[in-house]
Amino acid sequence: MGVATSIDALAIGISFACMGYHHVTTLTQPLLLIGGVTFVLTLWGMKLGTRFGAPIERKLKPALLGGVILIAIGIKVLITHLTA
């Protein structure tokens, strides 16, 4: 999952550079928005995970599924920005 997260972060960093964001001061608003949404969704996911996690864990492999999803998102973002 660490590799998938790194690939996703690399794609986002490249896309910010390609969109003209070259200084940290111009990235303040997008970074705060991304950070805030990530924080809220992480808390929500943890709350849902503690409630529904045990039955799902027995049936699925959540770590594998999460890694595959992150890799797919990273590849999609990278391809979208390289072909645009």
C-alpha atoms as a PDB file:
ATOM      1  CA  MET A   1       0.000   0.000   0.000  1.00  0.00           C
ATOM      2  CA  GLY A   2       2.943   2.301   0.596  1.00  0.00           C
ATOM      3  CA  VAL A   3       4.072   1.936  -3.026  1.00  0.00           C
ATOM      4  CA  ALA A   4       0.557   2.645  -4.309  1.00  0.00           C
ATOM      5  CA  THR A   5       0.290   5.752  -2.137  1.00  0.00           C
ATOM      6  CA  SER A   6       3.668   6.967  -3.362  1.00  0.00           C
ATOM      7  CA  ILE A   7       2.677   6.469  -7.001  1.00  0.00           C
ATOM      8  CA  ASP A   8      -0.536   8.417  -6.394  1.00  0.00           C
ATOM      9  CA  ALA A   9       1.352  11.247  -4.657  1.00  0.00           C
ATOM     10  CA  LEU A  10       3.877  11.348  -7.513  1.00  0.00           C
ATOM     11  CA  ALA A  11       1.075  11.677 -10.062  1.00  0.00           C
ATOM     12  CA  ILE A  12      -0.528  14.513  -8.092  1.00  0.00           C
ATOM     13  CA  GLY A  13       2.805  16.324  -7.727  1.00  0.00           C
ATOM     14  CA  ILE A  14       3.473  16.042 -11.457  1.00  0.00           C
ATOM     15  CA  SER A  15      -0.032  17.262 -12.283  1.00  0.00           C
ATOM     16  CA  PHE A  16       0.370  20.313 -10.001  1.00  0.00           C
ATOM     17  CA  ALA A  17       3.658  21.166 -11.721  1.00  0.00           C
ATOM     18  CA  CYS A  18       2.082  20.777 -15.168  1.00  0.00           C
ATOM     19  CA  MET A  19      -0.827  23.032 -14.151  1.00  0.00           C
ATOM     20  CA  GLY A  20       1.522  25.893 -13.323  1.00  0.00           C
ATOM     21  CA  TYR A  21       1.842  25.592  -9.543  1.00  0.00           C
ATOM     22  CA  HIS A  22       5.551  26.264  -9.022  1.00  0.00           C
ATOM     23  CA  HIS A  23       5.640  27.821  -5.532  1.00  0.00           C
ATOM     24  CA  VAL A  24       4.280  26.570  -2.217  1.00  0.00           C
ATOM     25  CA  THR A  25       2.364  29.825  -1.692  1.00  0.00           C
ATOM     26  CA  THR A  26       0.231  29.151  -4.784  1.00  0.00           C
ATOM     27  CA  LEU A  27      -0.514  25.649  -3.516  1.00  0.00           C
ATOM     28  CA  THR A  28      -1.936  26.727  -0.144  1.00  0.00           C
ATOM     29  CA  GLN A  29      -5.616  26.527  -1.081  1.00  0.00           C
ATOM     30  CA  PRO A  30      -5.443  23.173  -2.953  1.00  0.00           C
ATOM     31  CA  LEU A  31      -3.289  21.618  -0.213  1.00  0.00           C
ATOM     32  CA  LEU A  32      -5.635  22.742   2.564  1.00  0.00           C
ATOM     33  CA  LEU A  33      -8.643  21.446   0.648  1.00  0.00           C
ATOM     34  CA  ILE A  34      -6.993  18.082  -0.068  1.00  0.00           C
ATOM     35  CA  GLY A  35      -5.794  17.800   3.528  1.00  0.00           C
ATOM     36  CA  GLY A  36      -9.196  18.671   4.972  1.00  0.00           C
ATOM     37  CA  VAL A  37     -11.084  16.226   2.765  1.00  0.00           C
ATOM     38  CA  THR A  38      -8.523  13.506   3.491  1.00  0.00           C
ATOM     39  CA  PHE A  39      -8.832  14.111   7.244  1.00  0.00           C
ATOM     40  CA  VAL A  40     -12.646  13.959   7.224  1.00  0.00           C
ATOM     41  CA  LEU A  41     -12.804  10.861   5.015  1.00  0.00           C
ATOM     42  CA  THR A  42     -10.155   9.111   7.114  1.00  0.00           C
ATOM     43  CA  LEU A  43     -12.161   9.718  10.296  1.00  0.00           C
ATOM     44  CA  TRP A  44     -15.325   8.538   8.563  1.00  0.00           C
ATOM     45  CA  GLY A  45     -13.549   5.422   7.262  1.00  0.00           C
ATOM     46  CA  MET A  46     -12.183   4.614  10.710  1.00  0.00           C
ATOM     47  CA  LYS A  47     -15.656   4.972  12.234  1.00  0.00           C
ATOM     48  CA  LEU A  48     -17.185   2.686   9.582  1.00  0.00           C
ATOM     49  CA  GLY A  49     -14.261   0.276   9.848  1.00  0.00           C
ATOM     50  CA  THR A  50     -14.678  -0.212  13.575  1.00  0.00           C
ATOM     51  CA  ARG A  51     -18.376  -0.860  13.100  1.00  0.00           C
ATOM     52  CA  PHE A  52     -18.385  -3.104  10.020  1.00  0.00           C
ATOM     53  CA  GLY A  53     -14.753  -4.243   9.844  1.00  0.00           C
ATOM     54  CA  ALA A  54     -14.915  -7.696  11.425  1.00  0.00           C
ATOM     55  CA  PRO A  55     -17.464  -9.271   9.024  1.00  0.00           C
ATOM     56  CA  ILE A  56     -15.760  -7.747   5.995  1.00  0.00           C
ATOM     57  CA  GLU A  57     -12.294  -8.821   7.129  1.00  0.00           C
ATOM     58  CA  ARG A  58     -13.373 -12.451   7.284  1.00  0.00           C
ATOM     59  CA  LYS A  59     -14.750 -12.417   3.728  1.00  0.00           C
ATOM     60  CA  LEU A  60     -12.340 -10.098   1.874  1.00  0.00           C
ATOM     61  CA  LYS A  61      -8.681  -9.154   1.967  1.00  0.00           C
ATOM     62  CA  PRO A  62      -9.043  -5.406   2.666  1.00  0.00           C
ATOM     63  CA  ALA A  63      -5.330  -4.562   2.452  1.00  0.00           C
ATOM     64  CA  LEU A  64      -5.016  -6.181  -0.962  1.00  0.00           C
ATOM     65  CA  LEU A  65      -8.213  -4.555  -2.209  1.00  0.00           C
ATOM     66  CA  GLY A  66      -7.119  -1.122  -0.933  1.00  0.00           C
ATOM     67  CA  GLY A  67      -3.711  -1.474  -2.581  1.00  0.00           C
ATOM     68  CA  VAL A  68      -5.232  -2.437  -5.919  1.00  0.00           C
ATOM     69  CA  ILE A  69      -7.631   0.519  -5.750  1.00  0.00           C
ATOM     70  CA  LEU A  70      -4.807   2.976  -4.956  1.00  0.00           C
ATOM     71  CA  ILE A  71      -2.652   1.645  -7.782  1.00  0.00           C
ATOM     72  CA  ALA A  72      -5.578   1.919 -10.211  1.00  0.00           C
ATOM     73  CA  ILE A  73      -6.286   5.504  -9.146  1.00  0.00           C
ATOM     74  CA  GLY A  74      -2.609   6.457  -9.479  1.00  0.00           C
ATOM     75  CA  ILE A  75      -2.320   4.940 -12.952  1.00  0.00           C
ATOM     76  CA  LYS A  76      -5.582   6.591 -14.082  1.00  0.00           C
ATOM     77  CA  VAL A  77      -4.471  10.021 -12.847  1.00  0.00           C
ATOM     78  CA  LEU A  78      -1.047   9.639 -14.461  1.00  0.00           C
ATOM     79  CA  ILE A  79      -2.490   8.529 -17.825  1.00  0.00           C
ATOM     80  CA  THR A  80      -5.139  11.281 -17.753  1.00  0.00           C
ATOM     81  CA  HIS A  81      -2.570  14.010 -17.190  1.00  0.00           C
ATOM     82  CA  LEU A  82      -0.018  12.646 -19.629  1.00  0.00           C
ATOM     83  CA  THR A  83      -2.547  12.355 -22.465  1.00  0.00           C
ATOM     84  CA  ALA A  84      -4.270  15.708 -21.872  1.00  0.00           C
END
